[in-house]
Amino acid sequence: MIRALGHEGAYSLLEVHPITGRTHQIRAHLAALGQAIVGDPVYRESQPFDLALGRQFLHAYSLTLCRYPDNQEMTFTAALTSDLRDWLVNYFPTALACGI
């Protein structure tokens, strides 16, 4: 599932729920749609703002896993990292209004 949370110029902030949980699935499918991830050296031609970030703009807000051995479902959440938040402030400030 892919849901757009916000747009500004050439950028879109997306909520993505991969089927297999693999980051490459997200990268490959978005690139096939012409929407490569900022900072992705495989699917996107490098831009100055990619270098400012220094990595792919991917963040797992939440992960749900089944705990071994009781198979209890556990969900873990994490706030957006400071480097990603700083990048948004500089290059995509309207995304911060999306509640991330």
PDB file of N, CA and C in Angstrom:
ATOM      1  N   MET A   1       0.837  -1.167   0.000  1.00  0.00           N
ATOM      2  CA  MET A   1       0.000   0.000   0.000  1.00  0.00           C
ATOM      3  C   MET A   1       0.891   1.242   0.000  1.00  0.00           C
ATOM      4  N   ILE A   2       0.536   2.220  -0.817  1.00  0.00           N
ATOM      5  CA  ILE A   2       1.233   3.501  -0.872  1.00  0.00           C
ATOM      6  C   ILE A   2       0.193   4.603  -0.687  1.00  0.00           C
ATOM      7  N   ARG A   3       0.479   5.516   0.268  1.00  0.00           N
ATOM      8  CA  ARG A   3      -0.433   6.633   0.513  1.00  0.00           C
ATOM      9  C   ARG A   3       0.382   7.918   0.565  1.00  0.00           C
ATOM     10  N   ALA A   4      -0.018   8.906  -0.225  1.00  0.00           N
ATOM     11  CA  ALA A   4       0.659  10.200  -0.222  1.00  0.00           C
ATOM     12  C   ALA A   4       0.198  11.007   0.985  1.00  0.00           C
ATOM     13  N   LEU A   5       1.157  11.493   1.777  1.00  0.00           N
ATOM     14  CA  LEU A   5       0.842  12.311   2.940  1.00  0.00           C
ATOM     15  C   LEU A   5       0.997  13.800   2.655  1.00  0.00           C
ATOM     16  N   GLY A   6       1.851  14.128   1.684  1.00  0.00           N
ATOM     17  CA  GLY A   6       2.065  15.523   1.341  1.00  0.00           C
ATOM     18  C   GLY A   6       2.889  15.661   0.082  1.00  0.00           C
ATOM     19  N   HIS A   7       2.770  16.822  -0.566  1.00  0.00           N
ATOM     20  CA  HIS A   7       3.496  17.123  -1.797  1.00  0.00           C
ATOM     21  C   HIS A   7       4.057  18.535  -1.716  1.00  0.00           C
ATOM     22  N   GLU A   8       5.224  18.716  -2.325  1.00  0.00           N
ATOM     23  CA  GLU A   8       5.793  20.056  -2.496  1.00  0.00           C
ATOM     24  C   GLU A   8       6.780  19.986  -3.650  1.00  0.00           C
ATOM     25  N   GLY A   9       6.511  20.715  -4.709  1.00  0.00           N
ATOM     26  CA  GLY A   9       7.401  20.694  -5.877  1.00  0.00           C
ATOM     27  C   GLY A   9       7.580  19.286  -6.404  1.00  0.00           C
ATOM     28  N   ALA A  10       8.813  18.836  -6.462  1.00  0.00           N
ATOM     29  CA  ALA A  10       9.143  17.502  -6.985  1.00  0.00           C
ATOM     30  C   ALA A  10       9.072  16.415  -5.923  1.00  0.00           C
ATOM     31  N   TYR A  11       8.741  16.778  -4.678  1.00  0.00           N
ATOM     32  CA  TYR A  11       8.765  15.811  -3.582  1.00  0.00           C
ATOM     33  C   TYR A  11       7.377  15.351  -3.177  1.00  0.00           C
ATOM     34  N   SER A  12       7.314  14.117  -2.724  1.00  0.00           N
ATOM     35  CA  SER A  12       6.112  13.574  -2.103  1.00  0.00           C
ATOM     36  C   SER A  12       6.537  12.818  -0.855  1.00  0.00           C
ATOM     37  N   LEU A  13       5.802  13.011   0.220  1.00  0.00           N
ATOM     38  CA  LEU A  13       6.024  12.238   1.433  1.00  0.00           C
ATOM     39  C   LEU A  13       5.029  11.092   1.401  1.00  0.00           C
ATOM     40  N   LEU A  14       5.542   9.863   1.446  1.00  0.00           N
ATOM     41  CA  LEU A  14       4.695   8.686   1.292  1.00  0.00           C
ATOM     42  C   LEU A  14       4.697   7.814   2.525  1.00  0.00           C
ATOM     43  N   GLU A  15       3.561   7.220   2.790  1.00  0.00           N
ATOM     44  CA  GLU A  15       3.445   6.147   3.771  1.00  0.00           C
ATOM     45  C   GLU A  15       3.357   4.866   2.951  1.00  0.00           C
ATOM     46  N   VAL A  16       4.274   3.949   3.191  1.00  0.00           N
ATOM     47  CA  VAL A  16       4.355   2.732   2.392  1.00  0.00           C
ATOM     48  C   VAL A  16       4.309   1.526   3.319  1.00  0.00           C
ATOM     49  N   HIS A  17       3.484   0.558   2.967  1.00  0.00           N
ATOM     50  CA  HIS A  17       3.389  -0.694   3.713  1.00  0.00           C
ATOM     51  C   HIS A  17       3.828  -1.831   2.788  1.00  0.00           C
ATOM     52  N   PRO A  18       5.097  -2.241   2.881  1.00  0.00           N
ATOM     53  CA  PRO A  18       5.573  -3.304   2.000  1.00  0.00           C
ATOM     54  C   PRO A  18       4.968  -4.655   2.384  1.00  0.00           C
ATOM     55  N   ILE A  19       4.817  -5.496   1.393  1.00  0.00           N
ATOM     56  CA  ILE A  19       4.239  -6.823   1.632  1.00  0.00           C
ATOM     57  C   ILE A  19       5.237  -7.734   2.323  1.00  0.00           C
ATOM     58  N   THR A  20       6.489  -7.710   1.875  1.00  0.00           N
ATOM     59  CA  THR A  20       7.489  -8.605   2.440  1.00  0.00           C
ATOM     60  C   THR A  20       8.307  -7.970   3.537  1.00  0.00           C
ATOM     61  N   GLY A  21       8.209  -6.648   3.689  1.00  0.00           N
ATOM     62  CA  GLY A  21       9.002  -5.964   4.700  1.00  0.00           C
ATOM     63  C   GLY A  21      10.408  -5.655   4.254  1.00  0.00           C
ATOM     64  N   ARG A  22      10.693  -5.793   2.980  1.00  0.00           N
ATOM     65  CA  ARG A  22      12.042  -5.555   2.485  1.00  0.00           C
ATOM     66  C   ARG A  22      12.141  -4.144   1.906  1.00  0.00           C
ATOM     67  N   THR A  23      13.217  -3.425   2.297  1.00  0.00           N
ATOM     68  CA  THR A  23      13.367  -2.062   1.796  1.00  0.00           C
ATOM     69  C   THR A  23      13.586  -2.035   0.295  1.00  0.00           C
ATOM     70  N   HIS A  24      14.223  -3.055  -0.254  1.00  0.00           N
ATOM     71  CA  HIS A  24      14.447  -3.047  -1.698  1.00  0.00           C
ATOM     72  C   HIS A  24      13.123  -3.084  -2.454  1.00  0.00           C
ATOM     73  N   GLN A  25      12.122  -3.754  -1.903  1.00  0.00           N
ATOM     74  CA  GLN A  25      10.806  -3.784  -2.547  1.00  0.00           C
ATOM     75  C   GLN A  25      10.261  -2.362  -2.668  1.00  0.00           C
ATOM     76  N   ILE A  26      10.386  -1.577  -1.631  1.00  0.00           N
ATOM     77  CA  ILE A  26       9.924  -0.189  -1.654  1.00  0.00           C
ATOM     78  C   ILE A  26      10.696   0.585  -2.713  1.00  0.00           C
ATOM     79  N   ARG A  27      12.010   0.463  -2.703  1.00  0.00           N
ATOM     80  CA  ARG A  27      12.870   1.192  -3.635  1.00  0.00           C
ATOM     81  C   ARG A  27      12.561   0.835  -5.079  1.00  0.00           C
ATOM     82  N   ALA A  28      12.462  -0.443  -5.392  1.00  0.00           N
ATOM     83  CA  ALA A  28      12.252  -0.890  -6.769  1.00  0.00           C
ATOM     84  C   ALA A  28      10.877  -0.487  -7.287  1.00  0.00           C
ATOM     85  N   HIS A  29       9.850  -0.646  -6.469  1.00  0.00           N
ATOM     86  CA  HIS A  29       8.499  -0.318  -6.919  1.00  0.00           C
ATOM     87  C   HIS A  29       8.321   1.185  -7.123  1.00  0.00           C
ATOM     88  N   LEU A  30       8.854   1.991  -6.228  1.00  0.00           N
ATOM     89  CA  LEU A  30       8.742   3.445  -6.402  1.00  0.00           C
ATOM     90  C   LEU A  30       9.541   3.908  -7.612  1.00  0.00           C
ATOM     91  N   ALA A  31      10.723   3.342  -7.823  1.00  0.00           N
ATOM     92  CA  ALA A  31      11.523   3.708  -8.995  1.00  0.00           C
ATOM     93  C   ALA A  31      10.789   3.336 -10.283  1.00  0.00           C
ATOM     94  N   ALA A  32      10.105   2.195 -10.288  1.00  0.00           N
ATOM     95  CA  ALA A  32       9.343   1.773 -11.469  1.00  0.00           C
ATOM     96  C   ALA A  32       8.202   2.748 -11.761  1.00  0.00           C
ATOM     97  N   LEU A  33       7.717   3.425 -10.736  1.00  0.00           N
ATOM     98  CA  LEU A  33       6.664   4.433 -10.905  1.00  0.00           C
ATOM     99  C   LEU A  33       7.245   5.811 -11.222  1.00  0.00           C
ATOM    100  N   GLY A  34       8.581   5.890 -11.338  1.00  0.00           N
ATOM    101  CA  GLY A  34       9.235   7.171 -11.609  1.00  0.00           C
ATOM    102  C   GLY A  34       9.381   8.035 -10.378  1.00  0.00           C
ATOM    103  N   GLN A  35       9.328   7.443  -9.195  1.00  0.00           N
ATOM    104  CA  GLN A  35       9.375   8.190  -7.935  1.00  0.00           C
ATOM    105  C   GLN A  35      10.461   7.631  -7.022  1.00  0.00           C
ATOM    106  N   ALA A  36      11.711   7.660  -7.484  1.00  0.00           N
ATOM    107  CA  ALA A  36      12.821   7.117  -6.701  1.00  0.00           C
ATOM    108  C   ALA A  36      12.981   7.862  -5.381  1.00  0.00           C
ATOM    109  N   ILE A  37      13.510   7.179  -4.403  1.00  0.00           N
ATOM    110  CA  ILE A  37      13.692   7.726  -3.056  1.00  0.00           C
ATOM    111  C   ILE A  37      14.896   8.657  -3.029  1.00  0.00           C
ATOM    112  N   VAL A  38      14.743   9.794  -2.367  1.00  0.00           N
ATOM    113  CA  VAL A  38      15.847  10.729  -2.192  1.00  0.00           C
ATOM    114  C   VAL A  38      17.023   9.981  -1.559  1.00  0.00           C
ATOM    115  N   GLY A  39      18.210  10.180  -2.144  1.00  0.00           N
ATOM    116  CA  GLY A  39      19.417   9.574  -1.603  1.00  0.00           C
ATOM    117  C   GLY A  39      19.675   8.146  -2.038  1.00  0.00           C
ATOM    118  N   ASP A  40      18.853   7.599  -2.924  1.00  0.00           N
ATOM    119  CA  ASP A  40      19.022   6.215  -3.371  1.00  0.00           C
ATOM    120  C   ASP A  40      20.022   6.171  -4.527  1.00  0.00           C
ATOM    121  N   PRO A  41      21.230   5.653  -4.306  1.00  0.00           N
ATOM    122  CA  PRO A  41      22.258   5.665  -5.344  1.00  0.00           C
ATOM    123  C   PRO A  41      22.001   4.669  -6.479  1.00  0.00           C
ATOM    124  N   VAL A  42      21.131   3.705  -6.285  1.00  0.00           N
ATOM    125  CA  VAL A  42      20.858   2.691  -7.307  1.00  0.00           C
ATOM    126  C   VAL A  42      19.784   3.158  -8.278  1.00  0.00           C
ATOM    127  N   TYR A  43      18.699   3.731  -7.765  1.00  0.00           N
ATOM    128  CA  TYR A  43      17.540   4.063  -8.597  1.00  0.00           C
ATOM    129  C   TYR A  43      17.378   5.547  -8.905  1.00  0.00           C
ATOM    130  N   ARG A  44      18.276   6.369  -8.397  1.00  0.00           N
ATOM    131  CA  ARG A  44      18.110   7.809  -8.576  1.00  0.00           C
ATOM    132  C   ARG A  44      19.454   8.432  -8.922  1.00  0.00           C
ATOM    133  N   GLU A  45      19.453   9.314  -9.916  1.00  0.00           N
ATOM    134  CA  GLU A  45      20.663  10.062 -10.240  1.00  0.00           C
ATOM    135  C   GLU A  45      20.937  11.025  -9.092  1.00  0.00           C
ATOM    136  N   SER A  46      22.160  11.051  -8.619  1.00  0.00           N
ATOM    137  CA  SER A  46      22.517  11.860  -7.455  1.00  0.00           C
ATOM    138  C   SER A  46      22.256  13.344  -7.690  1.00  0.00           C
ATOM    139  N   GLN A  47      21.679  13.985  -6.687  1.00  0.00           N
ATOM    140  CA  GLN A  47      21.382  15.413  -6.697  1.00  0.00           C
ATOM    141  C   GLN A  47      22.106  16.052  -5.510  1.00  0.00           C
ATOM    142  N   PRO A  48      22.389  17.357  -5.559  1.00  0.00           N
ATOM    143  CA  PRO A  48      23.073  18.005  -4.429  1.00  0.00           C
ATOM    144  C   PRO A  48      22.363  17.786  -3.084  1.00  0.00           C
ATOM    145  N   PHE A  49      21.034  17.789  -3.097  1.00  0.00           N
ATOM    146  CA  PHE A  49      20.307  17.603  -1.839  1.00  0.00           C
ATOM    147  C   PHE A  49      20.371  16.154  -1.353  1.00  0.00           C
ATOM    148  N   ASP A  50      20.663  15.195  -2.255  1.00  0.00           N
ATOM    149  CA  ASP A  50      20.911  13.810  -1.834  1.00  0.00           C
ATOM    150  C   ASP A  50      22.194  13.752  -1.018  1.00  0.00           C
ATOM    151  N   LEU A  51      23.229  14.465  -1.513  1.00  0.00           N
ATOM    152  CA  LEU A  51      24.510  14.476  -0.813  1.00  0.00           C
ATOM    153  C   LEU A  51      24.372  15.132   0.554  1.00  0.00           C
ATOM    154  N   ALA A  52      23.496  16.119   0.661  1.00  0.00           N
ATOM    155  CA  ALA A  52      23.270  16.777   1.947  1.00  0.00           C
ATOM    156  C   ALA A  52      22.714  15.799   2.969  1.00  0.00           C
ATOM    157  N   LEU A  53      21.940  14.828   2.508  1.00  0.00           N
ATOM    158  CA  LEU A  53      21.379  13.827   3.418  1.00  0.00           C
ATOM    159  C   LEU A  53      22.397  12.733   3.708  1.00  0.00           C
ATOM    160  N   GLY A  54      23.078  12.244   2.684  1.00  0.00           N
ATOM    161  CA  GLY A  54      24.108  11.228   2.886  1.00  0.00           C
ATOM    162  C   GLY A  54      23.602   9.800   3.009  1.00  0.00           C
ATOM    163  N   ARG A  55      22.314   9.587   2.810  1.00  0.00           N
ATOM    164  CA  ARG A  55      21.735   8.242   2.859  1.00  0.00           C
ATOM    165  C   ARG A  55      20.351   8.276   2.223  1.00  0.00           C
ATOM    166  N   GLN A  56      19.724   7.125   2.128  1.00  0.00           N
ATOM    167  CA  GLN A  56      18.368   7.067   1.586  1.00  0.00           C
ATOM    168  C   GLN A  56      17.383   7.644   2.599  1.00  0.00           C
ATOM    169  N   PHE A  57      16.377   8.343   2.091  1.00  0.00           N
ATOM    170  CA  PHE A  57      15.344   8.874   2.970  1.00  0.00           C
ATOM    171  C   PHE A  57      14.304   7.782   3.202  1.00  0.00           C
ATOM    172  N   LEU A  58      14.666   6.842   4.045  1.00  0.00           N
ATOM    173  CA  LEU A  58      13.755   5.764   4.455  1.00  0.00           C
ATOM    174  C   LEU A  58      13.706   5.745   5.972  1.00  0.00           C
ATOM    175  N   HIS A  59      12.512   5.592   6.516  1.00  0.00           N
ATOM    176  CA  HIS A  59      12.355   5.534   7.964  1.00  0.00           C
ATOM    177  C   HIS A  59      11.205   4.588   8.296  1.00  0.00           C
ATOM    178  N   ALA A  60      11.476   3.629   9.137  1.00  0.00           N
ATOM    179  CA  ALA A  60      10.425   2.715   9.598  1.00  0.00           C
ATOM    180  C   ALA A  60       9.804   3.313  10.856  1.00  0.00           C
ATOM    181  N   TYR A  61       8.640   3.918  10.705  1.00  0.00           N
ATOM    182  CA  TYR A  61       7.941   4.498  11.855  1.00  0.00           C
ATOM    183  C   TYR A  61       7.502   3.401  12.814  1.00  0.00           C
ATOM    184  N   SER A  62       7.017   2.291  12.252  1.00  0.00           N
ATOM    185  CA  SER A  62       6.611   1.191  13.133  1.00  0.00           C
ATOM    186  C   SER A  62       6.906  -0.149  12.473  1.00  0.00           C
ATOM    187  N   LEU A  63       7.201  -1.115  13.316  1.00  0.00           N
ATOM    188  CA  LEU A  63       7.419  -2.496  12.887  1.00  0.00           C
ATOM    189  C   LEU A  63       6.584  -3.394  13.788  1.00  0.00           C
ATOM    190  N   THR A  64       5.900  -4.332  13.187  1.00  0.00           N
ATOM    191  CA  THR A  64       5.134  -5.309  13.955  1.00  0.00           C
ATOM    192  C   THR A  64       5.716  -6.687  13.663  1.00  0.00           C
ATOM    193  N   LEU A  65       6.106  -7.366  14.733  1.00  0.00           N
ATOM    194  CA  LEU A  65       6.737  -8.681  14.613  1.00  0.00           C
ATOM    195  C   LEU A  65       6.055  -9.659  15.557  1.00  0.00           C
ATOM    196  N   CYS A  66       6.201 -10.923  15.267  1.00  0.00           N
ATOM    197  CA  CYS A  66       5.719 -11.963  16.170  1.00  0.00           C
ATOM    198  C   CYS A  66       6.882 -12.447  17.019  1.00  0.00           C
ATOM    199  N   ARG A  67       6.704 -12.397  18.335  1.00  0.00           N
ATOM    200  CA  ARG A  67       7.758 -12.770  19.277  1.00  0.00           C
ATOM    201  C   ARG A  67       7.863 -14.285  19.389  1.00  0.00           C
ATOM    202  N   TYR A  68       9.081 -14.759  19.441  1.00  0.00           N
ATOM    203  CA  TYR A  68       9.340 -16.182  19.642  1.00  0.00           C
ATOM    204  C   TYR A  68       9.522 -16.423  21.125  1.00  0.00           C
ATOM    205  N   PRO A  69       9.062 -17.469  21.728  1.00  0.00           N
ATOM    206  CA  PRO A  69       8.376 -18.637  21.171  1.00  0.00           C
ATOM    207  C   PRO A  69       6.855 -18.582  21.280  1.00  0.00           C
ATOM    208  N   ASP A  70       6.309 -17.531  21.901  1.00  0.00           N
ATOM    209  CA  ASP A  70       4.854 -17.522  22.138  1.00  0.00           C
ATOM    210  C   ASP A  70       4.040 -16.927  20.986  1.00  0.00           C
ATOM    211  N   ASN A  71       4.715 -16.414  19.966  1.00  0.00           N
ATOM    212  CA  ASN A  71       4.063 -15.881  18.777  1.00  0.00           C
ATOM    213  C   ASN A  71       3.185 -14.659  19.075  1.00  0.00           C
ATOM    214  N   GLN A  72       3.456 -13.983  20.187  1.00  0.00           N
ATOM    215  CA  GLN A  72       2.716 -12.770  20.527  1.00  0.00           C
ATOM    216  C   GLN A  72       3.142 -11.644  19.598  1.00  0.00           C
ATOM    217  N   GLU A  73       2.167 -10.904  19.058  1.00  0.00           N
ATOM    218  CA  GLU A  73       2.459  -9.788  18.177  1.00  0.00           C
ATOM    219  C   GLU A  73       2.954  -8.605  18.990  1.00  0.00           C
ATOM    220  N   MET A  74       4.099  -8.031  18.549  1.00  0.00           N
ATOM    221  CA  MET A  74       4.708  -6.889  19.219  1.00  0.00           C
ATOM    222  C   MET A  74       4.888  -5.777  18.191  1.00  0.00           C
ATOM    223  N   THR A  75       4.537  -4.546  18.570  1.00  0.00           N
ATOM    224  CA  THR A  75       4.716  -3.404  17.683  1.00  0.00           C
ATOM    225  C   THR A  75       5.680  -2.422  18.332  1.00  0.00           C
ATOM    226  N   PHE A  76       6.630  -1.953  17.534  1.00  0.00           N
ATOM    227  CA  PHE A  76       7.637  -1.006  17.976  1.00  0.00           C
ATOM    228  C   PHE A  76       7.537   0.238  17.098  1.00  0.00           C
ATOM    229  N   THR A  77       7.660   1.426  17.703  1.00  0.00           N
ATOM    230  CA  THR A  77       7.603   2.671  16.937  1.00  0.00           C
ATOM    231  C   THR A  77       8.864   3.491  17.207  1.00  0.00           C
ATOM    232  N   ALA A  78       9.186   4.355  16.252  1.00  0.00           N
ATOM    233  CA  ALA A  78      10.365   5.218  16.387  1.00  0.00           C
ATOM    234  C   ALA A  78      10.067   6.559  15.738  1.00  0.00           C
ATOM    235  N   ALA A  79      10.432   7.616  16.411  1.00  0.00           N
ATOM    236  CA  ALA A  79      10.271   8.960  15.855  1.00  0.00           C
ATOM    237  C   ALA A  79      11.232   9.147  14.683  1.00  0.00           C
ATOM    238  N   LEU A  80      10.929  10.107  13.844  1.00  0.00           N
ATOM    239  CA  LEU A  80      11.789  10.435  12.723  1.00  0.00           C
ATOM    240  C   LEU A  80      13.159  10.858  13.252  1.00  0.00           C
ATOM    241  N   THR A  81      14.227  10.362  12.637  1.00  0.00           N
ATOM    242  CA  THR A  81      15.576  10.680  13.090  1.00  0.00           C
ATOM    243  C   THR A  81      15.907  12.146  12.820  1.00  0.00           C
ATOM    244  N   SER A  82      16.863  12.668  13.567  1.00  0.00           N
ATOM    245  CA  SER A  82      17.196  14.093  13.452  1.00  0.00           C
ATOM    246  C   SER A  82      17.757  14.446  12.080  1.00  0.00           C
ATOM    247  N   ASP A  83      18.516  13.546  11.438  1.00  0.00           N
ATOM    248  CA  ASP A  83      19.051  13.884  10.115  1.00  0.00           C
ATOM    249  C   ASP A  83      17.941  13.980   9.072  1.00  0.00           C
ATOM    250  N   LEU A  84      16.931  13.113   9.166  1.00  0.00           N
ATOM    251  CA  LEU A  84      15.808  13.187   8.233  1.00  0.00           C
ATOM    252  C   LEU A  84      14.960  14.423   8.502  1.00  0.00           C
ATOM    253  N   ARG A  85      14.745  14.734   9.775  1.00  0.00           N
ATOM    254  CA  ARG A  85      13.974  15.936  10.125  1.00  0.00           C
ATOM    255  C   ARG A  85      14.699  17.195   9.644  1.00  0.00           C
ATOM    256  N   ASP A  86      16.012  17.241   9.827  1.00  0.00           N
ATOM    257  CA  ASP A  86      16.791  18.389   9.357  1.00  0.00           C
ATOM    258  C   ASP A  86      16.709  18.534   7.842  1.00  0.00           C
ATOM    259  N   TRP A  87      16.752  17.407   7.119  1.00  0.00           N
ATOM    260  CA  TRP A  87      16.654  17.451   5.666  1.00  0.00           C
ATOM    261  C   TRP A  87      15.299  18.023   5.252  1.00  0.00           C
ATOM    262  N   LEU A  88      14.243  17.594   5.930  1.00  0.00           N
ATOM    263  CA  LEU A  88      12.915  18.119   5.625  1.00  0.00           C
ATOM    264  C   LEU A  88      12.846  19.623   5.869  1.00  0.00           C
ATOM    265  N   VAL A  89      13.403  20.083   6.963  1.00  0.00           N
ATOM    266  CA  VAL A  89      13.394  21.522   7.274  1.00  0.00           C
ATOM    267  C   VAL A  89      14.025  22.305   6.131  1.00  0.00           C
ATOM    268  N   ASN A  90      15.109  21.789   5.571  1.00  0.00           N
ATOM    269  CA  ASN A  90      15.842  22.501   4.530  1.00  0.00           C
ATOM    270  C   ASN A  90      15.278  22.340   3.127  1.00  0.00           C
ATOM    271  N   TYR A  91      14.683  21.183   2.807  1.00  0.00           N
ATOM    272  CA  TYR A  91      14.321  20.902   1.421  1.00  0.00           C
ATOM    273  C   TYR A  91      12.831  20.622   1.188  1.00  0.00           C
ATOM    274  N   PHE A  92      12.086  20.311   2.231  1.00  0.00           N
ATOM    275  CA  PHE A  92      10.673  19.935   2.067  1.00  0.00           C
ATOM    276  C   PHE A  92       9.915  20.297   3.345  1.00  0.00           C
ATOM    277  N   PRO A  93       9.934  21.582   3.740  1.00  0.00           N
ATOM    278  CA  PRO A  93       9.372  21.977   5.027  1.00  0.00           C
ATOM    279  C   PRO A  93       7.887  21.706   5.195  1.00  0.00           C
ATOM    280  N   THR A  94       7.115  21.715   4.115  1.00  0.00           N
ATOM    281  CA  THR A  94       5.676  21.469   4.276  1.00  0.00           C
ATOM    282  C   THR A  94       5.383  20.050   4.735  1.00  0.00           C
ATOM    283  N   ALA A  95       6.335  19.129   4.555  1.00  0.00           N
ATOM    284  CA  ALA A  95       6.137  17.753   5.020  1.00  0.00           C
ATOM    285  C   ALA A  95       6.018  17.685   6.536  1.00  0.00           C
ATOM    286  N   LEU A  96       6.636  18.599   7.227  1.00  0.00           N
ATOM    287  CA  LEU A  96       6.564  18.604   8.694  1.00  0.00           C
ATOM    288  C   LEU A  96       5.155  18.862   9.188  1.00  0.00           C
ATOM    289  N   ALA A  97       4.327  19.498   8.380  1.00  0.00           N
ATOM    290  CA  ALA A  97       2.941  19.758   8.753  1.00  0.00           C
ATOM    291  C   ALA A  97       2.066  18.514   8.597  1.00  0.00           C
ATOM    292  N   CYS A  98       2.630  17.436   8.076  1.00  0.00           N
ATOM    293  CA  CYS A  98       1.868  16.198   7.859  1.00  0.00           C
ATOM    294  C   CYS A  98       1.783  15.345   9.123  1.00  0.00           C
ATOM    295  N   GLY A  99       2.335  15.847  10.222  1.00  0.00           N
ATOM    296  CA  GLY A  99       2.222  15.127  11.479  1.00  0.00           C
ATOM    297  C   GLY A  99       3.261  14.030  11.667  1.00  0.00           C
ATOM    298  N   ILE A 100       4.395  14.148  10.998  1.00  0.00           N
ATOM    299  CA  ILE A 100       5.428  13.122  11.167  1.00  0.00           C
ATOM    300  C   ILE A 100       6.381  13.474  12.286  1.00  0.00           C
TER     301      ILE A 100
END
